Protein backbone atom coordinates (compact mmCIF):
# COMPACT_ATOMS: atom_id res chain seq x y z
CA MET A 1 19.27 1.36 -37.18
CA ALA A 2 21.04 0.21 -33.98
CA LEU A 3 20.36 3.47 -32.57
CA LEU A 4 16.52 3.14 -32.96
CA VAL A 5 16.79 -0.19 -31.49
CA ARG A 6 18.62 1.09 -28.35
CA MET A 7 16.22 3.93 -28.08
CA GLY A 8 13.00 1.67 -28.38
CA THR A 9 14.49 -0.59 -25.71
CA GLY A 10 15.01 2.59 -23.47
CA VAL A 11 11.44 3.74 -23.86
CA LEU A 12 10.23 0.17 -23.34
CA LEU A 13 12.19 0.11 -20.04
CA PHE A 14 11.12 3.49 -19.00
CA ALA A 15 7.38 2.40 -19.71
CA ALA A 16 7.95 -0.59 -17.58
CA LEU A 17 9.46 1.43 -14.86
CA LEU A 18 6.50 3.70 -14.74
CA ALA A 19 4.06 0.74 -14.80
CA THR A 20 5.87 -0.64 -11.90
CA MET A 21 5.71 2.51 -9.86
CA ALA A 22 2.07 2.93 -10.29
CA PHE A 23 1.19 -0.67 -9.18
CA PHE A 24 3.14 -0.33 -5.98
CA SER A 25 1.89 3.30 -5.50
CA SER A 26 -1.69 1.95 -5.92
CA CYS A 27 -1.11 -0.60 -2.98
CA THR A 28 -0.32 1.75 -0.71
CA ALA A 29 -3.22 4.14 -1.76
CA ALA A 30 -5.55 1.33 -0.69
CA ASP A 31 -4.61 1.75 2.89
CA HIS A 32 -6.77 3.52 5.21
CA CYS A 33 -4.62 5.47 7.67
CA SER A 34 -5.69 7.81 10.59
CA PRO A 35 -4.32 8.88 13.80
CA VAL A 36 -5.39 6.68 16.79
CA VAL A 37 -3.96 7.13 20.39
CA PRO A 38 -2.95 4.91 21.77
CA CYS A 39 -1.96 2.81 18.61
CA ASN A 40 -1.62 -0.99 19.31
CA ALA A 41 -2.78 -4.15 17.93
CA THR A 42 -5.99 -3.93 19.95
CA THR A 43 -6.98 -0.04 19.24
CA CYS A 44 -6.05 -0.36 15.52
CA PHE A 45 -7.90 -3.43 14.99
CA GLU A 46 -11.03 -1.95 16.65
CA TYR A 47 -10.85 1.13 14.72
CA CYS A 48 -10.66 -0.74 11.41
CA GLN A 49 -13.48 -2.84 12.51
CA LYS A 50 -15.47 0.06 13.54
CA ASN A 51 -15.07 1.65 10.04
CA ASN A 52 -16.57 -1.55 8.46
CA TYR A 53 -13.23 -3.00 6.87
CA LYS A 54 -13.54 -6.54 5.86
CA ASN A 55 -10.60 -8.95 5.86
CA PHE A 56 -7.92 -6.47 6.83
CA GLN A 57 -4.56 -6.38 8.40
CA THR A 58 -3.53 -3.58 10.81
CA PHE A 59 -0.25 -1.79 11.49
CA CYS A 60 0.62 1.17 13.45
CA THR A 61 3.23 3.83 12.06
CA GLN A 62 4.82 6.81 13.68
CA GLY A 63 3.15 10.04 12.69
CA GLN A 64 4.26 13.63 12.96
CA TYR A 65 2.61 14.27 16.20
CA TYR A 66 0.42 10.94 16.94
CA PRO A 67 0.93 7.42 15.97
CA ILE A 68 -1.30 6.24 12.85
CA CYS A 69 -3.37 3.21 12.67
CA CYS A 70 -3.61 1.76 8.93
CA CYS A 71 -5.92 -0.55 7.79
CA ARG A 72 -4.84 -2.75 4.62
CA LYS A 73 -6.97 -5.04 2.79
CA ARG A 74 -5.28 -8.58 2.55
CA ARG A 75 -4.48 -9.87 -0.93
CA LEU A 76 -6.15 -12.77 -2.30
CA LEU A 77 -2.96 -14.98 -2.34
CA GLU A 78 -2.42 -14.10 1.47
CA GLU A 79 -6.14 -15.20 1.95
CA LEU A 80 -5.51 -18.56 0.22
CA LEU A 81 -2.39 -19.56 2.55
């Protein structure tokens, strides 16, 4: 019986881990990223605005060949603060 309880706990923890991973991966999937040269605060903001993103924050990351501009929709909690 104890073995079944331990296995049940392990399955529950594994399911919780999968759910957490899905949550965090869906957050990054909501970002829209594209190469923008040069990537800085101004050009990235204009790129996101040109593509009709509303209430977004921008950031630049290093790409393989060119810098990448990402548009991330702000979360509701950040909007309230």
